[in-house]
Each structure stands twice: as C-alpha cells, then as structure tokens.
Protein backbone atom coordinates (compact mmCIF):
# COMPACT_ATOMS: atom_id res chain seq x y z
CA MET A 1 16.28 6.71 10.75
CA GLN A 2 13.47 5.63 13.08
CA ALA A 3 10.85 7.57 11.13
CA LEU A 4 12.25 6.27 7.84
CA LEU A 5 12.13 2.65 9.02
CA HIS A 6 8.65 3.07 10.49
CA GLY A 7 7.31 4.55 7.26
CA ALA A 8 8.92 1.84 5.13
CA LEU A 9 7.64 -1.05 7.25
CA LEU A 10 4.15 0.43 7.58
CA ALA A 11 3.84 1.09 3.84
CA LEU A 12 5.23 -2.34 3.02
CA GLY A 13 2.74 -4.05 5.30
CA LEU A 14 -0.18 -2.14 3.79
CA ILE A 15 0.81 -2.53 0.15
CA LEU A 16 1.80 -6.21 0.12
CA PRO A 17 -1.68 -7.82 0.08
CA LEU A 18 -2.68 -8.43 -3.53
CA GLY A 19 -5.86 -6.40 -3.81
CA VAL A 20 -7.45 -4.94 -6.94
CA GLN A 21 -4.73 -2.34 -7.49
CA ASN A 22 -1.85 -4.77 -7.15
CA LEU A 23 -3.55 -7.44 -9.23
CA PHE A 24 -4.09 -4.94 -12.04
CA VAL A 25 -0.40 -3.97 -12.08
CA PHE A 26 0.59 -7.64 -11.86
CA ASN A 27 -1.76 -8.53 -14.70
CA GLN A 28 -0.22 -5.86 -16.90
CA GLY A 29 3.21 -7.29 -16.20
CA VAL A 30 1.90 -10.66 -17.39
CA THR A 31 -0.13 -9.59 -20.42
CA GLN A 32 2.04 -6.80 -21.86
CA PRO A 33 4.68 -7.94 -24.37
CA SER A 34 7.48 -6.35 -22.33
CA LEU A 35 8.10 -4.69 -18.96
CA LEU A 36 8.50 -1.35 -20.73
CA ARG A 37 4.97 -1.62 -22.11
CA ALA A 38 3.64 -2.18 -18.57
CA LEU A 39 5.27 0.99 -17.18
CA PRO A 40 2.21 3.26 -17.73
CA ALA A 41 0.23 1.14 -15.26
CA VAL A 42 3.15 1.10 -12.81
CA ILE A 43 3.74 4.85 -12.95
CA ALA A 44 0.03 5.75 -12.81
CA ALA A 45 -0.55 3.55 -9.73
CA SER A 46 2.56 4.97 -8.06
CA VAL A 47 1.57 8.59 -8.74
CA CYS A 48 -1.95 7.98 -7.37
CA ASP A 49 -0.55 6.41 -4.21
CA THR A 50 1.86 9.33 -3.80
CA LEU A 51 -1.05 11.78 -4.08
CA LEU A 52 -3.10 9.89 -1.49
CA ILE A 53 -0.15 9.68 0.92
CA LEU A 54 0.63 13.40 0.64
CA LEU A 55 -3.01 14.36 1.16
CA ALA A 56 -3.34 12.03 4.14
CA VAL A 57 -0.14 13.16 5.85
CA ASN A 58 -0.75 16.88 5.38
CA GLY A 59 -4.52 16.90 5.83
CA VAL A 60 -4.71 14.65 8.87
CA SER A 61 -1.75 16.38 10.52
CA LEU A 62 -3.26 19.86 10.15
CA PHE A 63 -6.58 18.64 11.46
CA LEU A 64 -5.05 16.95 14.49
CA LEU A 65 -3.16 20.10 15.46
CA LYS A 66 -6.52 21.66 16.34
CA PHE A 67 -7.91 18.64 18.17
CA ALA A 68 -5.26 17.02 20.38
CA VAL A 69 -7.71 14.56 21.96
CA LEU A 70 -8.74 13.36 18.51
CA LYS A 71 -5.14 12.34 17.86
CA VAL A 72 -5.32 9.77 20.66
CA VAL A 73 -8.70 8.53 19.42
CA LEU A 74 -7.48 8.16 15.85
CA ILE A 75 -4.31 6.36 16.94
CA GLY A 76 -6.49 3.96 18.91
CA LEU A 77 -8.74 3.39 15.92
CA GLY A 78 -5.67 2.95 13.73
CA VAL A 79 -4.32 0.24 16.03
CA VAL A 80 -7.66 -1.61 16.02
CA PHE A 81 -7.87 -1.28 12.24
CA LEU A 82 -4.33 -2.65 11.83
CA LEU A 83 -4.99 -5.60 14.13
CA TYR A 84 -8.17 -6.45 12.23
CA MET A 85 -6.51 -6.00 8.84
CA GLY A 86 -3.61 -8.20 9.95
CA TRP A 87 -6.05 -10.91 11.00
CA LEU A 88 -7.90 -10.76 7.67
CA THR A 89 -4.64 -10.79 5.73
CA TRP A 90 -3.22 -13.72 7.68
CA ASN A 91 -6.34 -15.80 7.00
CA SER A 92 -6.74 -14.67 3.40
CA THR A 93 -7.16 -17.46 0.86
CA MET A 94 -7.41 -15.19 -2.16
CA GLU A 95 -5.96 -16.70 -5.29
CA TYR A 96 -4.84 -14.98 -8.43
CA ARG A 97 -6.91 -15.87 -11.45
CA GLU A 98 -5.75 -14.64 -14.77
CA ALA A 99 -8.01 -11.91 -16.06
CA GLU A 100 -9.65 -12.07 -19.43
CA ALA A 101 -7.49 -9.21 -20.57
CA THR A 102 -5.62 -8.52 -23.70
CA SER A 103 -2.81 -6.04 -23.89
CA LEU A 104 -4.12 -2.59 -22.89
CA SER A 105 -3.05 0.66 -24.51
CA VAL A 106 -1.13 3.34 -22.60
CA LYS A 107 -4.29 5.42 -22.11
CA GLN A 108 -6.29 2.41 -20.94
CA GLN A 109 -3.59 1.43 -18.45
CA ILE A 110 -3.49 4.94 -16.96
CA VAL A 111 -7.28 5.21 -16.69
CA PHE A 112 -7.68 1.76 -15.13
CA ALA A 113 -4.77 2.27 -12.73
CA ALA A 114 -6.16 5.63 -11.59
CA THR A 115 -9.62 4.13 -11.13
CA VAL A 116 -8.53 1.18 -8.98
CA SER A 117 -6.20 3.46 -7.00
CA LEU A 118 -8.24 6.60 -6.32
CA LEU A 119 -11.66 4.94 -6.13
CA ASN A 120 -10.47 2.07 -3.96
CA PRO A 121 -11.96 2.28 -0.41
CA HIS A 122 -9.18 0.08 0.98
CA ALA A 123 -6.47 2.36 -0.43
CA ILE A 124 -8.18 5.43 1.04
CA MET A 125 -8.53 3.76 4.44
CA ASP A 126 -4.87 2.70 4.33
CA THR A 127 -3.57 6.17 3.56
CA ILE A 128 -5.90 8.34 5.61
CA GLY A 129 -6.76 5.95 8.43
CA VAL A 130 -3.31 4.46 8.95
CA ILE A 131 -0.49 6.36 7.23
CA GLY A 132 -2.03 9.78 7.87
CA THR A 133 -2.68 8.96 11.51
CA SER A 134 0.77 7.43 12.02
CA SER A 135 2.40 10.54 10.57
CA ALA A 136 0.92 12.57 13.45
CA SER A 137 3.65 11.10 15.67
CA TYR A 138 6.28 13.05 13.74
CA GLU A 139 7.12 16.66 12.97
CA GLY A 140 9.51 18.50 10.68
CA THR A 141 12.35 16.40 9.25
CA GLU A 142 11.09 13.19 10.83
CA LYS A 143 7.70 13.61 9.16
CA PHE A 144 9.43 14.26 5.82
CA PHE A 145 11.44 11.03 6.06
CA PHE A 146 8.36 9.08 7.18
CA THR A 147 6.40 10.37 4.19
CA MET A 148 9.22 9.77 1.70
CA ALA A 149 9.65 6.21 2.98
CA CYS A 150 5.96 5.48 2.38
CA ILE A 151 6.11 6.96 -1.12
CA LEU A 152 9.33 5.18 -2.12
CA VAL A 153 8.04 1.81 -0.92
CA SER A 154 4.95 2.33 -3.09
CA TRP A 155 7.02 3.11 -6.21
CA PHE A 156 9.49 0.28 -5.67
CA TRP A 157 6.72 -2.21 -4.96
CA PHE A 158 4.78 -1.53 -8.16
CA PHE A 159 7.95 -1.76 -10.26
CA PHE A 160 8.90 -4.98 -8.48
CA LEU A 161 5.40 -6.39 -8.94
CA ALA A 162 5.35 -5.80 -12.70
CA ALA A 163 8.89 -7.16 -13.10
CA THR A 164 8.10 -10.26 -11.06
CA ALA A 165 5.00 -10.91 -13.17
CA ARG A 166 7.26 -11.41 -16.18
CA LEU A 167 9.11 -14.20 -14.39
CA VAL A 168 6.17 -16.09 -12.89
CA SER A 169 4.09 -18.68 -14.68
CA GLY A 170 1.51 -21.21 -13.55
CA GLU A 171 -1.42 -20.62 -11.19
CA ALA A 172 -0.04 -23.01 -8.56
CA GLN A 173 3.13 -20.96 -8.21
CA LEU A 174 1.12 -17.76 -8.00
CA THR A 175 -1.20 -19.15 -5.34
CA ALA A 176 1.68 -20.31 -3.15
CA GLY A 177 3.44 -16.97 -3.57
CA ILE A 178 0.36 -14.94 -2.65
CA ARG A 179 -0.22 -17.02 0.49
CA TRP A 180 3.37 -16.42 1.61
CA ILE A 181 3.13 -12.70 0.86
CA ASN A 182 -0.11 -12.38 2.84
CA LYS A 183 1.44 -14.07 5.91
CA LEU A 184 4.45 -11.75 5.75
CA SER A 185 2.18 -8.74 5.29
CA ALA A 186 0.14 -9.65 8.38
CA VAL A 187 3.33 -9.74 10.48
CA PHE A 188 4.33 -6.27 9.22
CA ILE A 189 0.85 -4.91 9.92
CA TRP A 190 0.76 -6.26 13.48
CA GLY A 191 4.25 -4.92 14.08
CA SER A 192 3.09 -1.47 12.94
CA ALA A 193 0.15 -1.64 15.35
CA GLY A 194 2.53 -2.41 18.21
CA TYR A 195 4.77 0.49 17.24
CA MET A 196 1.81 2.90 17.19
CA VAL A 197 0.92 1.85 20.76
CA TYR A 198 4.57 2.27 21.80
CA SER A 199 4.72 5.76 20.25
CA ALA A 200 1.49 6.86 21.93
CA ILE A 201 2.76 5.73 25.34
C-alpha cells in the first residue's frame, strides 16, 4: 500500500502541470467533435508514458544494483530536482491559449502525441530522473505496485484531461483552473521530495 500510494502521488505531482504533452491532449478534447474522436491522442500519450516509466524503472534499477553509492547520489539529485520543479510549478503563470488547430485525423493524433511524449526533455527527466530513481527504494512486489501506480495515474489523467476539455469553455476559466492545478502539483512534488529523503534515511 505504501509503494502504491507513493507511486500514485509522485506520478500525479509530475503529470499535473500543463506542459506540451498535456496541452496537446487537452486541445484534442476541445477541438474533436466528440470524446471518442480524441481517444487516439489519449491512448498514444498514455502508451508512450507507460513505455518511458517501464524503461526508467527497469533500466535505472539494474544500473543502481552495480553502483550502490550512485543510488544515494541520484536520490539526492532527485530531491533537488523535485524541490526546484516544485518551485517553478508553484510560481508558474502559464496560460492556456487555444491552438490554431482543426480536428486532427487518427494518424495525426498518434504521431503528434508520440512526438510530444517521447521527444519531450521534461517527460524524460520526470521518468528517468525522478520515477526511475524513486523506484530504487523498492524491490519485488513493492516495485511492481509502485510502477503500476505510476502507469495507472498516467492513463487516468489523460482520459480525465480530454473529458474535462469537453466541459470547459472560456479562457478565463481555463487560466484560473491551470493556476489552481499548478499550486496543487507543487505541493505533491514537494511532498514526494520529502518522502525520498525519509526513505533514504
């Protein structure tokens, strides 16, 4: 349960800020004629995140088994990275501006979602630098639950994001919502940093 909760809160904190990937999924929820038509973008983004999480958890874990000292160093770097990211997120003033997009085809949605997911430096840093490093605190069943929590949060979030986009209208509402989400995300991120320090001790 502890590993499951840790994975869920960590993934939630990392995925909440509306970066390029999230804004693309949100935009598809707005511009597509129905939620069903926006599913290719949702599924493609979710699959890409799942791939990154699995590679980070397995790759980083295997590497750290050979270099125990590096584990402490990476956890330290992860904590610093989380504190900095939390600060940036808390002070973020990013506003959503409707893209000049028309309804994209299924193929276009998949290609764009894969591009903003797999070629996104922030997503790679999140998965390898934070999720992968955090997973080093667990083994066996606990690591499985930690990983599954991160993956499930990613899938649920993208579905929720596209569905919410259908219900939201007006830039003022979007701006206020994004500011609230960023504040909440910063709290989750800082909490995750504190938990990493607690686990290392």
